[in-house]
Amino acid sequence: MRPDQIVFRASPVGVALLIVSIVAGAGVTALSNSPAGIIAGILLGLYLLFAIRIADQWEKVAVLRFGRYTGLRGPGMFHVIPVVDRVARYVDQRVRVANVSAESTLTRDTVPVNVDAIIFWMVWNAEKSILEVQDFTSAITMSAQTALRESIGRHELHQMVAEREMLGKELQRILDEKTTPWGITVQSVEIRDVQIPSALQDAMSREAQAERERRARTILGQAETEIAEKFGQAALTYQNNPVALHLRAMNMLYEAIKEKGSMVIVPSSAVETMGLGGMLATASLGGAKPQ
């Protein structure tokens, strides 16, 4: 059904008035023995059926009189003149959802992707939406698909995967600029899914693994460089201070033999040079077995 092909919506009030008018006309006919009563009741009931209309709380109704726009009606009950007035369209002003997709669209780095998005929009000015656009629902969907394809072509794949929120805001801005003159606003756009070919997924996985290995080796190289720098600084300190070197050697030897059952072999010259005799004797009392 096209937007300009409006199906008649009978209101419960109009139906009730039709029944009451027919019953009242039948009663008048029974009392007066004249068919004029029932005829008048039927005509009055049909008039009220087509004249009394109801719009829901979230709806606005456009009324045309002899083809000219007269204004909006609703929400609630309103009156039109049958034959003279025509209800052109009921406009739902609640937030609506449109699902759009772009299949096999090339990104800026020439990667084919399939993108699914959800658009939340609403009619904030029913008069503009009726007078400016024939079918604003289709217009929103088609415009969203076009804008989505254009946005995909301006971004690279890694941007679309990592910055979905940014892509959604860009689409919202593009659509809102186009639909605002129609009395429609796009509240938000959410990118649901970005799909890439399976062969490319495998290549990207290998690329990510290689990148992680490169980072790990870089970090290891930086650690080795820092360790070498610290050893160079320590060597300069020990070069000009042999006592510090002996103390460091004694500390290392002590750490090696302090555990029970450990065995450390050191040359006798080292014992005499560093004065380790007393320390070794003390360690042996603790249960160590130096040689």
Protein backbone atom coordinates (compact mmCIF):
# COMPACT_ATOMS: atom_id res chain seq x y z
CA MET A 1 0.00 0.00 0.00
CA ARG A 2 1.37 3.41 -0.99
CA PRO A 3 1.24 6.28 1.55
CA ASP A 4 -1.40 8.09 -0.58
CA GLN A 5 -3.67 5.02 -0.53
CA ILE A 6 -5.21 5.30 2.93
CA VAL A 7 -7.56 2.59 4.12
CA PHE A 8 -10.64 3.84 5.96
CA ARG A 9 -10.29 3.41 9.72
CA ALA A 10 -13.66 3.27 11.41
CA SER A 11 -13.62 4.51 14.97
CA PRO A 12 -15.41 2.63 17.77
CA VAL A 13 -17.33 5.81 18.56
CA GLY A 14 -18.58 6.10 14.97
CA VAL A 15 -19.64 2.46 14.90
CA ALA A 16 -21.49 2.89 18.20
CA LEU A 17 -23.26 6.01 16.93
CA LEU A 18 -24.24 4.18 13.73
CA ILE A 19 -25.86 1.40 15.74
CA VAL A 20 -27.63 3.85 18.04
CA SER A 21 -28.95 5.87 15.09
CA ILE A 22 -30.28 2.77 13.34
CA VAL A 23 -31.97 1.55 16.52
CA ALA A 24 -33.45 4.97 17.19
CA GLY A 25 -34.68 5.24 13.59
CA ALA A 26 -36.22 1.80 13.84
CA GLY A 27 -38.02 2.86 17.02
CA VAL A 28 -39.37 6.00 15.38
CA THR A 29 -40.54 3.94 12.42
CA ALA A 30 -42.31 1.50 14.71
CA LEU A 31 -44.12 4.29 16.51
CA SER A 32 -45.06 6.31 13.48
CA ASN A 33 -45.57 3.48 11.00
CA SER A 34 -43.46 5.52 8.55
CA PRO A 35 -40.18 4.38 6.92
CA ALA A 36 -38.78 7.88 7.18
CA GLY A 37 -37.50 7.19 10.69
CA ILE A 38 -35.35 4.20 9.78
CA ILE A 39 -34.07 5.94 6.63
CA ALA A 40 -33.10 9.04 8.61
CA GLY A 41 -31.44 6.88 11.26
CA ILE A 42 -29.38 5.01 8.68
CA LEU A 43 -28.27 8.23 6.95
CA LEU A 44 -27.39 9.89 10.25
CA GLY A 45 -25.50 6.81 11.41
CA LEU A 46 -23.49 6.61 8.18
CA TYR A 47 -22.65 10.30 8.46
CA LEU A 48 -21.42 9.88 12.01
CA LEU A 49 -19.50 6.71 11.05
CA PHE A 50 -17.46 8.58 8.44
CA ALA A 51 -17.34 11.91 10.29
CA ILE A 52 -16.11 10.81 13.71
CA ARG A 53 -12.49 9.69 13.65
CA ILE A 54 -9.97 8.84 16.38
CA ALA A 55 -6.17 9.17 16.34
CA ASP A 56 -4.03 7.38 18.89
CA GLN A 57 -1.90 9.27 21.39
CA TRP A 58 1.26 8.92 19.25
CA GLU A 59 -0.41 9.84 15.94
CA LYS A 60 -1.09 12.97 13.92
CA VAL A 61 -3.58 13.00 11.05
CA ALA A 62 -3.45 15.19 7.92
CA VAL A 63 -6.82 16.36 6.61
CA LEU A 64 -7.45 17.59 3.06
CA ARG A 65 -10.52 19.62 2.04
CA PHE A 66 -11.21 19.42 -1.67
CA GLY A 67 -7.58 18.38 -2.12
CA ARG A 68 -6.10 21.29 -0.15
CA TYR A 69 -4.25 20.77 3.13
CA THR A 70 -6.22 22.18 6.05
CA GLY A 71 -4.14 21.05 9.01
CA LEU A 72 -3.39 18.27 11.45
CA ARG A 73 -5.82 16.53 13.74
CA GLY A 74 -5.32 14.41 16.83
CA PRO A 75 -4.46 12.81 19.04
CA GLY A 76 -7.92 11.84 20.24
CA MET A 77 -11.32 12.19 18.60
CA PHE A 78 -11.87 14.66 15.75
CA HIS A 79 -14.53 15.48 13.18
CA VAL A 80 -14.36 15.62 9.39
CA ILE A 81 -17.00 16.35 6.80
CA PRO A 82 -17.62 13.28 4.65
CA VAL A 83 -17.06 13.73 0.91
CA VAL A 84 -15.71 17.25 1.51
CA ASP A 85 -12.82 16.29 3.81
CA ARG A 86 -10.40 13.44 3.32
CA VAL A 87 -8.00 11.93 5.83
CA ALA A 88 -4.72 11.87 3.88
CA ARG A 89 -2.41 10.11 6.28
CA TYR A 90 -1.85 8.92 9.83
CA VAL A 91 1.68 9.74 11.00
CA ASP A 92 3.24 7.74 13.82
CA GLN A 93 5.54 10.03 15.86
CA ARG A 94 7.17 7.31 17.96
CA VAL A 95 10.80 6.27 17.54
CA ARG A 96 11.17 3.83 14.66
CA VAL A 97 13.88 1.35 13.74
CA ALA A 98 15.23 0.70 10.25
CA ASN A 99 17.66 -2.09 9.44
CA VAL A 100 20.07 -1.29 6.58
CA SER A 101 22.94 -3.27 5.13
CA ALA A 102 25.72 -2.86 2.58
CA GLU A 103 27.03 -6.01 0.93
CA SER A 104 30.42 -6.41 -0.78
CA THR A 105 31.22 -2.72 -0.43
CA LEU A 106 34.87 -1.73 -0.89
CA THR A 107 36.62 0.15 1.90
CA ARG A 108 39.24 2.82 1.30
CA ASP A 109 41.95 0.14 1.23
CA THR A 110 39.91 -1.91 -1.29
CA VAL A 111 38.67 -4.61 1.09
CA PRO A 112 35.14 -5.96 0.39
CA VAL A 113 33.02 -5.93 3.56
CA ASN A 114 29.40 -6.59 4.55
CA VAL A 115 28.07 -4.09 7.09
CA ASP A 116 24.78 -4.21 9.00
CA ALA A 117 23.47 -1.13 10.79
CA ILE A 118 20.39 -0.08 12.77
CA ILE A 119 18.93 3.43 12.46
CA PHE A 120 16.68 4.97 15.12
CA TRP A 121 14.58 7.84 13.74
CA MET A 122 11.35 9.67 14.42
CA VAL A 123 9.00 12.22 12.85
CA TRP A 124 9.16 15.44 14.83
CA ASN A 125 7.15 17.56 12.38
CA ALA A 126 4.28 15.60 10.86
CA GLU A 127 3.23 18.46 8.57
CA LYS A 128 6.63 18.64 6.86
CA SER A 129 6.94 14.89 6.53
CA ILE A 130 3.55 14.67 4.78
CA LEU A 131 3.93 17.67 2.48
CA GLU A 132 7.64 17.28 1.60
CA VAL A 133 8.04 13.51 1.06
CA GLN A 134 5.71 11.01 -0.59
CA ASP A 135 7.03 7.96 1.28
CA PHE A 136 9.43 9.07 3.99
CA THR A 137 9.88 5.54 5.34
CA SER A 138 11.37 4.33 2.05
CA ALA A 139 13.29 7.59 1.70
CA ILE A 140 14.95 7.06 5.07
CA THR A 141 15.90 3.47 4.24
CA MET A 142 17.32 4.29 0.81
CA SER A 143 19.20 7.33 2.08
CA ALA A 144 20.68 5.29 4.93
CA GLN A 145 21.92 2.59 2.55
CA THR A 146 23.53 5.19 0.28
CA ALA A 147 25.16 7.02 3.19
CA LEU A 148 26.43 3.73 4.63
CA ARG A 149 28.13 2.79 1.36
CA GLU A 150 29.68 6.25 1.03
CA SER A 151 30.98 6.13 4.59
CA ILE A 152 32.49 2.68 4.06
CA GLY A 153 34.36 3.94 1.01
CA ARG A 154 35.92 6.78 3.04
CA HIS A 155 37.31 4.57 5.82
CA GLU A 156 39.88 1.82 5.98
CA LEU A 157 39.07 -1.63 7.33
CA HIS A 158 40.86 -1.24 10.67
CA GLN A 159 38.95 2.00 11.33
CA MET A 160 35.61 0.32 10.70
CA VAL A 161 36.43 -2.60 12.98
CA ALA A 162 37.96 -0.58 15.82
CA GLU A 163 35.90 2.63 15.59
CA ARG A 164 32.30 1.54 15.04
CA GLU A 165 30.93 4.26 17.27
CA MET A 166 32.70 6.93 15.22
CA LEU A 167 31.28 5.46 12.00
CA GLY A 168 27.78 5.43 13.51
CA LYS A 169 28.02 9.10 14.54
CA GLU A 170 29.18 10.05 11.07
CA LEU A 171 26.22 8.26 9.50
CA GLN A 172 23.87 9.96 11.95
CA ARG A 173 25.24 13.39 11.01
CA ILE A 174 24.92 12.72 7.26
CA LEU A 175 21.36 11.42 7.54
CA ASP A 176 20.23 14.10 9.96
CA GLU A 177 21.36 16.85 7.59
CA LYS A 178 19.32 15.27 4.79
CA THR A 179 16.16 14.46 6.77
CA THR A 180 15.79 17.58 8.92
CA PRO A 181 14.06 19.53 6.10
CA TRP A 182 11.56 16.65 5.92
CA GLY A 183 10.59 17.06 9.59
CA ILE A 184 12.43 13.86 10.50
CA THR A 185 15.39 13.43 12.84
CA VAL A 186 17.82 10.53 13.08
CA GLN A 187 18.48 9.94 16.76
CA SER A 188 21.27 7.38 16.53
CA VAL A 189 22.94 4.85 14.25
CA GLU A 190 24.47 1.61 15.55
CA ILE A 191 26.83 -0.58 13.52
CA ARG A 192 25.82 -4.14 14.37
CA ASP A 193 28.33 -6.18 12.40
CA VAL A 194 31.27 -5.81 10.02
CA GLN A 195 31.98 -9.01 8.09
CA ILE A 196 35.07 -9.62 5.96
CA PRO A 197 35.91 -12.56 3.65
CA SER A 198 37.16 -15.74 5.36
CA ALA A 199 40.42 -15.76 3.34
CA LEU A 200 41.14 -12.24 4.54
CA GLN A 201 40.34 -13.20 8.12
CA ASP A 202 43.11 -15.85 7.99
CA ALA A 203 45.58 -13.34 6.56
CA MET A 204 44.67 -10.80 9.23
CA SER A 205 45.12 -13.44 11.93
CA ARG A 206 48.64 -14.21 10.68
CA GLU A 207 49.38 -10.51 10.48
CA ALA A 208 48.24 -9.99 14.07
CA GLN A 209 50.35 -12.94 15.26
CA ALA A 210 53.41 -11.56 13.47
CA GLU A 211 52.78 -8.15 14.99
CA ARG A 212 52.61 -9.66 18.50
CA GLU A 213 55.89 -11.53 17.93
CA ARG A 214 57.53 -8.35 16.68
CA ARG A 215 56.41 -6.47 19.77
CA ALA A 216 57.63 -9.27 22.04
CA ARG A 217 61.08 -9.26 20.42
CA THR A 218 61.24 -5.49 20.58
CA ILE A 219 60.44 -5.54 24.29
CA LEU A 220 63.04 -8.25 24.86
CA GLY A 221 65.66 -6.24 22.97
CA GLN A 222 64.85 -3.15 25.03
CA ALA A 223 65.22 -5.19 28.22
CA GLU A 224 68.61 -6.52 27.08
CA THR A 225 69.75 -3.00 26.26
CA GLU A 226 68.72 -1.71 29.69
CA ILE A 227 70.45 -4.67 31.40
CA ALA A 228 73.63 -4.05 29.42
CA GLU A 229 73.58 -0.39 30.39
CA LYS A 230 73.20 -1.28 34.06
CA PHE A 231 76.04 -3.83 33.84
CA GLY A 232 78.24 -1.18 32.18
CA GLN A 233 77.54 1.23 35.02
CA ALA A 234 78.29 -1.50 37.58
CA ALA A 235 81.55 -2.38 35.81
CA LEU A 236 82.71 1.22 36.03
CA THR A 237 81.94 1.24 39.75
CA TYR A 238 83.79 -2.06 40.37
CA GLN A 239 86.75 -0.96 38.23
CA ASN A 240 87.61 1.90 40.53
CA ASN A 241 86.56 0.18 43.75
CA PRO A 242 87.92 -3.36 44.25
CA VAL A 243 86.47 -3.54 47.75
CA ALA A 244 82.99 -3.18 46.30
CA LEU A 245 83.78 -5.97 43.86
CA HIS A 246 84.89 -8.24 46.71
CA LEU A 247 81.78 -7.45 48.70
CA ARG A 248 79.62 -8.24 45.71
CA ALA A 249 81.45 -11.54 45.19
CA MET A 250 81.03 -12.41 48.84
CA ASN A 251 77.32 -11.67 48.66
CA MET A 252 76.89 -13.84 45.58
CA LEU A 253 78.78 -16.69 47.24
CA TYR A 254 76.72 -16.36 50.38
CA GLU A 255 73.49 -16.49 48.40
CA ALA A 256 74.74 -19.65 46.69
CA ILE A 257 75.65 -21.56 49.84
CA LYS A 258 73.05 -20.38 52.33
CA GLU A 259 70.58 -23.11 51.36
CA LYS A 260 71.04 -26.45 53.11
CA GLY A 261 72.62 -29.20 51.12
CA SER A 262 74.16 -26.88 48.51
CA MET A 263 77.76 -27.28 47.39
CA VAL A 264 79.95 -24.54 45.92
CA ILE A 265 83.52 -25.07 44.66
CA VAL A 266 85.74 -21.99 44.87
CA PRO A 267 89.48 -21.68 44.30
CA SER A 268 91.70 -21.21 47.35
CA SER A 269 93.00 -17.97 45.92
CA ALA A 270 89.51 -16.52 46.05
CA VAL A 271 89.20 -17.53 49.69
CA GLU A 272 92.47 -15.84 50.58
CA THR A 273 91.81 -12.76 48.46
CA MET A 274 88.31 -12.09 49.72
CA GLY A 275 88.86 -13.31 53.26
CA LEU A 276 86.18 -15.93 53.03
CA GLY A 277 87.59 -18.27 55.60
CA GLY A 278 85.50 -16.98 58.48
CA MET A 279 82.34 -16.78 56.41
CA LEU A 280 82.73 -20.33 55.07
CA ALA A 281 83.27 -21.66 58.53
CA THR A 282 80.12 -19.97 59.69
CA ALA A 283 78.19 -21.36 56.74
CA SER A 284 79.50 -24.87 57.41
CA LEU A 285 78.12 -24.71 60.93
CA GLY A 286 74.73 -24.11 59.33
CA GLY A 287 74.93 -27.40 57.47
CA ALA A 288 76.42 -26.34 54.11
CA LYS A 289 79.15 -28.41 52.47
CA PRO A 290 81.57 -26.09 50.69
CA GLN A 291 84.70 -27.45 48.94
